[in-house]
C-alpha cells in the first residue's frame, strides 16, 4: 500500500514528464544541492547548451515564503551518481529539506513569468539651464538585490522637449550608460536648446535584464520634468541723478514670499530654495546652481560700478551616499555680462558636515568695473559641488540654500 508521501511523489512526477519533484538532502557547495532520489537519470540528462532544464524552488522547509521559494534557476551541472545539482545563484541559499522541481525547458519558460524584475526611476523633476543632470532607472531582482552589470543590456535613451504644446527631439537615440544596478544618462540642458518653462521627457528603450537564466525585456521607461529658475529677481533701475544706489535681497522677490507676512524674529529664518537644492556634480566648472538672481538695468548705456556692499548668508551639507566625498564646496558669484563670465564674491566654503551648516560673508568691494549695456546682464548665484571621485549615479551629493537676509547694495554711475 502506498504511503501519502509516495502518492505525493508519484503525482508530482507525473506532469507529463515535464517536472520531477525532490527534497534536498544536502548542500555540498556554493550553488549546489543534492537530492539522492534524483540520482541515476542519466549523464547529461538535465544539461544542454541550448535547452537546459531548470530548478524551481517549490516550498521552503521552514514553511515561510522567503527566498529562494518561487525562484527559477538554470541547471549548469548534474552528477548522475550522487544526484547533486549545480545551478545559477538563487536569491538565497537552498537549504536541506527544501522542496524543488526539476523542470523541462518548456515548463521553465512558463514558470519564468513568476519572477519579476523591479525598477524605479531616479533624477530631479525640476532642472536648471546649463546644469548637468543625471536621470536613470534602478534595477532590482525579486529579492531586492541590484542586478549586476553583466546581466544588464542598457539599450538607448532619447530626450524630447515640449514647448507650447509642440514636441521636438533634442537628443536622438544614444547608448545608455550602465553600472551595477542601474541604467542612466548624464546631460547638460544648454541654453541653445532649452528655455524656462520647457518640459523634458527622457525615454529609456531596450533595457533587458537576465535573472536566473531568463531574459526580461522592460517596456520603454519615461521620466518627465520641467526647466526652472530658482528664483528670479527683476528690478528696474530708472531715473536720475547720474550716481545712484540700489539695494536688493536675493530671495525677497521669490513668488512664495511676495505676499508673505513676517512671522519670525530672526531665530527661524527662511531659506531658498525650499527644499534645498541638491547636486551630485563634482566638477567646479559645471557646479550645481542653488539660486540664481537677475537684476535688469533698463537703460541703454553702460553702468559703471563705484562700490558694492554685500551681506551674504547661506548653508550647505554633504550626503556621502555611495560616493567618497568628504566636503561640500560652495561660494557666491556674480556676473556683469549676462553670465558669460563669473567673478567670485566670496572665498570657497568647504563644509564636511552632514547637517546644514551656515556661512556668512560681509564687506565692500568693487568686484567688477562696469555692467554691460542691455537687459539681464547683472546676475548673482550660489553654486556648490562635492569633492567626490566616484562617477555615475549613487555618488555623493551637496545640498545648499540662501538665507533670506542676504542682500547687496550697489553704488553706480550711469553713462
Protein backbone atom coordinates (compact mmCIF):
# COMPACT_ATOMS: atom_id res chain seq x y z
CA UNK A 1 0.00 0.00 0.00
CA UNK A 2 1.37 3.39 -0.96
CA UNK A 3 2.02 5.93 1.77
CA UNK A 4 0.85 9.54 1.39
CA UNK A 5 4.42 10.59 0.70
CA UNK A 6 4.73 8.04 -2.09
CA UNK A 7 1.43 9.24 -3.59
CA UNK A 8 2.58 12.84 -3.48
CA UNK A 9 5.81 11.92 -5.21
CA UNK A 10 4.01 10.00 -7.95
CA UNK A 11 1.57 12.87 -8.53
CA UNK A 12 4.30 15.45 -8.57
CA UNK A 13 6.38 13.41 -11.03
CA UNK A 14 3.50 12.75 -13.42
CA UNK A 15 3.15 16.18 -15.05
CA UNK A 16 3.72 14.59 -18.46
CA UNK A 17 7.40 14.16 -17.60
CA UNK A 18 7.94 17.92 -17.56
CA UNK A 19 8.68 18.24 -13.84
CA UNK A 20 10.37 15.95 -11.30
CA UNK A 21 9.87 16.50 -7.58
CA UNK A 22 12.61 16.16 -4.98
CA UNK A 23 13.57 17.14 -1.43
CA UNK A 24 17.05 18.44 -0.70
CA UNK A 25 19.24 16.03 1.31
CA UNK A 26 22.49 18.03 1.44
CA UNK A 27 24.15 21.28 0.35
CA UNK A 28 27.73 20.31 -0.58
CA UNK A 29 28.91 23.64 -2.03
CA UNK A 30 28.13 27.07 -3.41
CA UNK A 31 25.09 27.00 -5.72
CA UNK A 32 24.86 23.22 -5.20
CA UNK A 33 22.38 20.85 -3.56
CA UNK A 34 21.90 17.07 -3.51
CA UNK A 35 18.63 15.16 -3.97
CA UNK A 36 19.60 11.48 -3.69
CA UNK A 37 16.29 10.21 -5.11
CA UNK A 38 17.06 12.11 -8.34
CA UNK A 39 20.35 10.28 -8.98
CA UNK A 40 20.55 7.94 -11.95
CA UNK A 41 18.54 9.88 -14.57
CA UNK A 42 21.46 9.66 -16.98
CA UNK A 43 24.68 11.54 -17.61
CA UNK A 44 23.92 14.91 -19.21
CA UNK A 45 20.16 14.40 -18.75
CA UNK A 46 19.43 17.89 -17.40
CA UNK A 47 22.20 19.86 -19.08
CA UNK A 48 22.50 21.35 -22.52
CA UNK A 49 23.92 24.39 -24.22
CA UNK A 50 20.60 25.13 -25.96
CA UNK A 51 17.76 23.79 -23.79
CA UNK A 52 18.98 23.02 -20.26
CA UNK A 53 16.48 22.07 -17.56
CA UNK A 54 15.93 24.36 -14.58
CA UNK A 55 15.28 24.07 -10.85
CA UNK A 56 12.20 25.71 -9.33
CA UNK A 57 12.06 26.05 -5.53
CA UNK A 58 8.53 24.94 -4.75
CA UNK A 59 8.45 25.15 -0.96
CA UNK A 60 10.81 26.24 1.83
CA UNK A 61 11.41 23.72 4.62
CA UNK A 62 10.71 26.49 7.15
CA UNK A 63 7.17 26.93 5.84
CA UNK A 64 7.80 30.59 5.05
CA UNK A 65 7.69 32.30 1.68
CA UNK A 66 11.25 33.61 1.97
CA UNK A 67 13.67 33.34 -0.93
CA UNK A 68 14.56 31.22 -2.78
CA UNK A 69 10.95 29.97 -2.76
CA UNK A 70 9.35 30.80 -6.10
CA UNK A 71 12.67 31.31 -7.87
CA UNK A 72 13.81 29.51 -11.01
CA UNK A 73 17.44 28.88 -11.98
CA UNK A 74 19.09 27.09 -14.93
CA UNK A 75 20.97 23.84 -14.21
CA UNK A 76 24.63 24.15 -15.12
CA UNK A 77 25.80 20.70 -13.93
CA UNK A 78 24.27 17.39 -12.80
CA UNK A 79 26.07 14.47 -11.12
CA UNK A 80 24.27 11.32 -12.24
CA UNK A 81 25.87 9.24 -9.45
CA UNK A 82 25.10 11.40 -6.43
CA UNK A 83 22.10 13.42 -7.58
CA UNK A 84 23.96 16.69 -6.99
CA UNK A 85 22.81 19.71 -9.00
CA UNK A 86 24.72 22.94 -9.71
CA UNK A 87 22.71 25.99 -10.75
CA UNK A 88 22.99 29.72 -11.29
CA UNK A 89 22.85 31.58 -7.98
CA UNK A 90 19.47 31.92 -6.26
CA UNK A 91 18.39 34.98 -4.28
CA UNK A 92 19.17 32.98 -1.11
CA UNK A 93 20.91 29.64 -0.42
CA UNK A 94 18.85 26.46 -0.83
CA UNK A 95 18.61 24.57 2.48
CA UNK A 96 18.22 20.92 3.49
CA UNK A 97 14.57 19.75 3.23
CA UNK A 98 13.62 22.50 0.80
CA UNK A 99 11.32 21.03 -1.87
CA UNK A 100 12.21 21.57 -5.51
CA UNK A 101 11.00 20.76 -9.00
CA UNK A 102 13.42 19.94 -11.80
CA UNK A 103 11.55 21.29 -14.81
CA UNK A 104 11.73 20.83 -18.57
CA UNK A 105 12.69 23.91 -20.65
CA UNK A 106 9.12 24.34 -21.93
CA UNK A 107 7.69 24.42 -18.40
CA UNK A 108 10.58 26.62 -17.24
CA UNK A 109 9.59 29.20 -19.85
CA UNK A 110 6.12 29.36 -18.30
CA UNK A 111 7.42 29.48 -14.74
CA UNK A 112 9.81 32.31 -15.63
CA UNK A 113 6.84 34.62 -15.54
CA UNK A 114 6.59 34.10 -11.77
CA UNK A 115 9.85 36.00 -11.28
CA UNK A 116 9.53 39.71 -11.91
CA UNK A 117 12.20 42.34 -12.14
CA UNK A 118 11.56 45.55 -10.27
CA UNK A 119 12.65 49.01 -11.36
CA UNK A 120 12.27 52.60 -10.34
CA UNK A 121 13.37 55.87 -11.90
CA UNK A 122 15.63 58.50 -10.35
CA UNK A 123 16.68 62.06 -11.12
CA UNK A 124 15.26 65.55 -10.42
CA UNK A 125 11.90 66.67 -11.85
CA UNK A 126 13.00 70.33 -11.87
CA UNK A 127 16.27 71.20 -13.59
CA UNK A 128 18.05 74.44 -14.40
CA UNK A 129 19.60 75.59 -17.65
CA UNK A 130 23.32 74.84 -18.07
CA UNK A 131 23.24 72.31 -15.20
CA UNK A 132 24.48 68.74 -15.71
CA UNK A 133 21.78 66.35 -14.51
CA UNK A 134 21.62 62.56 -14.16
CA UNK A 135 18.41 60.59 -14.81
CA UNK A 136 18.12 56.84 -14.85
CA UNK A 137 16.48 53.56 -13.87
CA UNK A 138 17.47 51.43 -10.86
CA UNK A 139 17.05 47.66 -11.44
CA UNK A 140 16.28 45.06 -8.74
CA UNK A 141 15.82 41.31 -8.65
CA UNK A 142 12.78 39.83 -6.81
CA UNK A 143 14.80 39.66 -3.59
CA UNK A 144 15.59 43.36 -3.67
CA UNK A 145 19.20 42.91 -4.77
CA UNK A 146 20.63 45.02 -7.57
CA UNK A 147 21.16 43.44 -10.99
CA UNK A 148 24.90 43.06 -11.80
CA UNK A 149 26.20 44.96 -14.81
CA UNK A 150 26.96 41.71 -16.66
CA UNK A 151 23.22 40.85 -16.66
CA UNK A 152 22.03 44.23 -17.97
CA UNK A 153 21.55 45.28 -21.58
CA UNK A 154 21.29 49.08 -21.21
CA UNK A 155 19.63 49.97 -24.51
CA UNK A 156 19.37 53.63 -25.55
CA UNK A 157 17.83 56.90 -24.38
CA UNK A 158 16.30 59.93 -26.08
CA UNK A 159 15.47 63.39 -24.73
CA UNK A 160 12.49 65.33 -26.10
CA UNK A 161 11.30 68.87 -25.43
CA UNK A 162 7.72 70.09 -25.15
CA UNK A 163 7.34 73.84 -25.75
CA UNK A 164 3.94 75.47 -26.28
CA UNK A 165 2.46 72.04 -26.90
CA UNK A 166 4.98 71.15 -29.62
CA UNK A 167 7.15 68.04 -29.21
CA UNK A 168 10.74 68.24 -30.51
CA UNK A 169 13.53 65.69 -30.29
CA UNK A 170 16.69 67.22 -28.76
CA UNK A 171 18.82 64.11 -28.17
CA UNK A 172 18.47 61.27 -30.70
CA UNK A 173 18.80 57.63 -29.61
CA UNK A 174 22.08 57.40 -27.71
CA UNK A 175 23.58 54.37 -25.91
CA UNK A 176 22.67 54.49 -22.22
CA UNK A 177 25.34 54.34 -19.53
CA UNK A 178 25.29 51.36 -17.17
CA UNK A 179 26.63 50.42 -13.74
CA UNK A 180 25.73 47.65 -11.32
CA UNK A 181 22.01 48.02 -10.66
CA UNK A 182 21.28 51.00 -12.91
CA UNK A 183 20.98 52.37 -16.42
CA UNK A 184 21.36 56.15 -16.70
CA UNK A 185 22.30 59.22 -18.74
CA UNK A 186 24.07 62.46 -17.83
CA UNK A 187 23.01 65.52 -19.79
CA UNK A 188 23.52 69.29 -19.63
CA UNK A 189 20.40 71.33 -20.51
CA UNK A 190 22.09 74.00 -22.64
CA UNK A 191 20.66 77.46 -23.28
CA UNK A 192 20.71 76.84 -27.04
CA UNK A 193 18.03 74.13 -26.73
CA UNK A 194 16.07 74.97 -23.56
CA UNK A 195 14.07 77.84 -22.06
CA UNK A 196 12.50 78.32 -18.65
CA UNK A 197 9.14 76.53 -18.63
CA UNK A 198 10.01 73.85 -21.20
CA UNK A 199 9.07 70.28 -20.37
CA UNK A 200 11.59 67.49 -20.92
CA UNK A 201 10.98 63.78 -21.50
CA UNK A 202 13.80 61.26 -21.02
CA UNK A 203 12.88 57.89 -22.55
CA UNK A 204 14.91 54.73 -21.91
CA UNK A 205 14.30 52.00 -24.51
CA UNK A 206 15.63 48.48 -24.99
CA UNK A 207 16.60 47.69 -21.39
CA UNK A 208 16.75 43.94 -20.72
CA UNK A 209 17.95 42.03 -17.69
CA UNK A 210 18.93 38.43 -17.04
CA UNK A 211 17.62 36.72 -13.88
CA UNK A 212 18.17 33.02 -13.32
CA UNK A 213 18.93 32.37 -16.95
CA UNK A 214 15.74 34.14 -18.10
CA UNK A 215 15.88 37.43 -20.01
CA UNK A 216 13.23 40.04 -19.28
CA UNK A 217 12.68 42.95 -21.67
CA UNK A 218 11.48 46.11 -19.93
CA UNK A 219 9.00 48.40 -21.66
CA UNK A 220 10.04 51.95 -22.62
CA UNK A 221 10.50 53.95 -19.40
CA UNK A 222 9.93 57.72 -19.32
CA UNK A 223 10.97 60.44 -16.88
CA UNK A 224 9.23 63.83 -17.15
CA UNK A 225 10.32 67.18 -15.77
CA UNK A 226 10.46 70.95 -16.25
CA UNK A 227 13.11 73.64 -16.79
CA UNK A 228 13.00 76.14 -13.90
CA UNK A 229 14.96 79.06 -12.48
CA UNK A 230 15.13 79.45 -8.68
CA UNK A 231 14.29 82.27 -8.08
CA UNK A 232 14.44 85.26 -10.45
CA UNK A 233 14.61 88.82 -9.14
CA UNK A 234 13.71 91.51 -11.69
CA UNK A 235 14.38 95.08 -10.55
CA UNK A 236 14.30 98.14 -12.81
CA UNK A 237 16.79 100.95 -12.28
CA UNK A 238 15.29 104.21 -13.51
CA UNK A 239 15.54 108.00 -13.02
CA UNK A 240 18.24 110.44 -12.03
CA UNK A 241 20.70 111.67 -10.71
CA UNK A 242 23.70 110.25 -12.52
CA UNK A 243 25.07 108.49 -9.40
CA UNK A 244 22.51 106.12 -7.95
CA UNK A 245 22.19 103.33 -5.44
CA UNK A 246 20.14 100.16 -5.45
CA UNK A 247 19.68 97.51 -2.74
CA UNK A 248 18.00 94.17 -3.09
CA UNK A 249 17.60 90.91 -1.18
CA UNK A 250 18.43 87.73 -3.03
CA UNK A 251 15.18 85.87 -2.34
CA UNK A 252 12.67 88.63 -1.45
CA UNK A 253 11.02 88.58 -4.88
CA UNK A 254 10.53 84.82 -4.95
CA UNK A 255 6.87 84.10 -5.70
CA UNK A 256 6.39 82.30 -2.38
CA UNK A 257 7.48 85.40 -0.41
CA UNK A 258 5.83 88.26 -2.30
CA UNK A 259 2.68 88.32 -0.15
CA UNK A 260 4.06 86.52 2.89
CA UNK A 261 3.82 88.28 6.25
CA UNK A 262 6.81 88.49 8.56
CA UNK A 263 6.31 85.85 11.21
CA UNK A 264 9.71 85.24 12.78
CA UNK A 265 12.12 87.16 14.97
CA UNK A 266 15.21 86.08 13.08
CA UNK A 267 15.75 82.86 15.02
CA UNK A 268 13.98 80.76 12.38
CA UNK A 269 14.85 82.44 9.07
CA UNK A 270 13.56 81.39 5.68
CA UNK A 271 15.85 79.78 3.13
CA UNK A 272 15.51 79.39 -0.62
CA UNK A 273 15.11 77.20 -2.46
CA UNK A 274 12.97 75.04 -0.17
CA UNK A 275 13.60 72.15 -0.16
CA UNK A 276 17.31 72.74 -0.56
CA UNK A 277 18.87 72.43 -4.00
CA UNK A 278 20.74 69.14 -4.42
CA UNK A 279 23.53 68.32 -6.87
CA UNK A 280 25.85 65.37 -7.43
CA UNK A 281 28.24 67.48 -9.51
CA UNK A 282 31.90 67.02 -8.60
CA UNK A 283 33.09 69.41 -11.31
CA UNK A 284 33.86 73.04 -10.29
CA UNK A 285 33.47 74.04 -13.94
CA UNK A 286 29.90 72.64 -14.01
CA UNK A 287 28.64 73.21 -10.46
CA UNK A 288 25.10 72.93 -9.17
CA UNK A 289 23.34 76.33 -9.08
CA UNK A 290 21.24 76.53 -5.93
CA UNK A 291 19.97 80.07 -6.53
CA UNK A 292 20.18 82.48 -9.48
CA UNK A 293 19.10 86.13 -9.20
CA UNK A 294 18.88 88.60 -12.08
CA UNK A 295 18.88 92.42 -11.89
CA UNK A 296 17.59 94.15 -15.02
CA UNK A 297 19.02 97.62 -15.67
CA UNK A 298 16.54 99.05 -18.15
CA UNK A 299 18.78 101.56 -19.90
CA UNK A 300 20.95 101.68 -22.99
CA UNK A 301 24.31 102.90 -21.68
CA UNK A 302 26.85 101.10 -19.55
CA UNK A 303 26.67 101.07 -15.75
CA UNK A 304 29.97 101.88 -14.03
CA UNK A 305 30.37 100.37 -10.56
CA UNK A 306 31.59 102.60 -7.73
CA UNK A 307 31.04 100.25 -4.82
CA UNK A 308 29.22 97.02 -3.91
CA UNK A 309 28.39 96.16 -0.30
CA UNK A 310 27.34 92.53 0.23
CA UNK A 311 25.91 90.69 3.20
CA UNK A 312 25.76 87.03 2.18
CA UNK A 313 24.46 84.10 4.23
CA UNK A 314 23.92 80.54 3.05
CA UNK A 315 24.07 76.98 4.34
CA UNK A 316 25.19 73.63 2.95
CA UNK A 317 25.52 69.97 3.87
CA UNK A 318 27.15 66.87 2.40
CA UNK A 319 25.44 63.50 1.84
CA UNK A 320 28.13 60.89 1.19
CA UNK A 321 25.74 58.24 -0.20
CA UNK A 322 27.53 55.73 -2.43
CA UNK A 323 30.40 58.08 -3.16
CA UNK A 324 33.58 59.03 -1.33
CA UNK A 325 33.15 62.79 -0.92
CA UNK A 326 34.38 64.44 2.29
CA UNK A 327 33.20 68.01 1.64
CA UNK A 328 30.52 70.19 0.14
CA UNK A 329 32.14 73.20 -1.56
CA UNK A 330 30.21 76.43 -2.21
CA UNK A 331 30.54 80.14 -2.91
CA UNK A 332 28.64 83.20 -4.17
CA UNK A 333 29.47 84.55 -7.63
CA UNK A 334 28.34 87.50 -9.77
CA UNK A 335 28.36 88.23 -13.49
CA UNK A 336 28.18 91.66 -15.16
CA UNK A 337 27.87 90.34 -18.72
CA UNK A 338 24.83 88.08 -18.68
CA UNK A 339 26.65 85.00 -17.41
CA UNK A 340 29.47 84.96 -19.97
CA UNK A 341 31.99 85.31 -17.13
CA UNK A 342 31.63 84.85 -13.38
CA UNK A 343 33.53 86.64 -10.58
CA UNK A 344 33.92 85.11 -7.12
CA UNK A 345 32.35 87.32 -4.43
CA UNK A 346 33.31 85.01 -1.56
CA UNK A 347 36.02 82.53 -0.78
CA UNK A 348 35.25 78.81 -1.08
CA UNK A 349 33.21 77.42 1.83
CA UNK A 350 34.46 73.86 2.49
CA UNK A 351 31.90 72.05 4.65
CA UNK A 352 32.50 68.44 5.82
CA UNK A 353 29.27 68.26 7.86
CA UNK A 354 26.28 66.03 7.08
CA UNK A 355 23.90 68.63 8.57
CA UNK A 356 23.09 72.12 7.31
CA UNK A 357 25.98 74.39 8.36
CA UNK A 358 25.69 78.18 7.94
CA UNK A 359 28.27 80.53 6.40
CA UNK A 360 28.34 84.36 6.43
CA UNK A 361 30.44 86.77 4.40
CA UNK A 362 30.15 90.58 4.56
CA UNK A 363 32.10 93.51 3.13
CA UNK A 364 32.53 96.15 0.42
CA UNK A 365 34.32 95.56 -2.85
CA UNK A 366 34.04 96.73 -6.46
CA UNK A 367 34.14 93.13 -7.79
CA UNK A 368 33.57 94.40 -11.38
CA UNK A 369 34.25 97.74 -13.10
CA UNK A 370 31.09 98.01 -15.15
CA UNK A 371 27.86 96.25 -16.12
CA UNK A 372 27.40 95.55 -19.82
CA UNK A 373 24.66 97.56 -21.54
CA UNK A 374 21.40 95.72 -22.14
CA UNK A 375 18.91 93.73 -20.11
CA UNK A 376 19.56 90.76 -17.80
CA UNK A 377 23.31 91.41 -17.62
CA UNK A 378 23.75 91.53 -13.81
CA UNK A 379 23.47 88.05 -12.26
CA UNK A 380 24.19 86.58 -8.84
CA UNK A 381 24.30 82.89 -8.00
CA UNK A 382 25.00 80.42 -5.21
CA UNK A 383 26.99 77.48 -6.60
CA UNK A 384 28.01 74.23 -4.94
CA UNK A 385 29.54 70.83 -5.70
CA UNK A 386 31.36 67.94 -3.97
CA UNK A 387 34.89 66.57 -4.00
CA UNK A 388 33.58 63.09 -4.90
CA UNK A 389 35.84 60.99 -7.15
CA UNK A 390 33.18 58.34 -7.90
CA UNK A 391 31.34 58.59 -11.24
CA UNK A 392 27.77 57.71 -12.16
CA UNK A 393 24.56 57.62 -10.12
CA UNK A 394 24.68 56.99 -6.40
CA UNK A 395 27.67 59.26 -5.76
CA UNK A 396 27.74 61.91 -3.03
CA UNK A 397 25.50 64.98 -3.12
CA UNK A 398 25.68 68.54 -1.81
CA UNK A 399 22.62 70.49 -0.64
CA UNK A 400 22.56 74.32 -0.48
CA UNK A 401 20.18 77.19 0.40
CA UNK A 402 20.37 81.01 0.57
CA UNK A 403 19.36 82.89 3.74
CA UNK A 404 16.53 85.44 3.38
CA UNK A 405 18.71 88.17 4.95
CA UNK A 406 21.26 88.08 2.12
CA UNK A 407 21.39 91.38 0.24
CA UNK A 408 23.58 93.56 -1.98
CA UNK A 409 23.80 97.35 -2.18
CA UNK A 410 25.29 98.74 -5.41
CA UNK A 411 26.51 102.35 -5.87
CA UNK A 412 26.90 103.03 -9.57
CA UNK A 413 27.17 105.74 -12.24
CA UNK A 414 25.05 105.64 -15.39
CA UNK A 415 26.72 106.86 -18.55
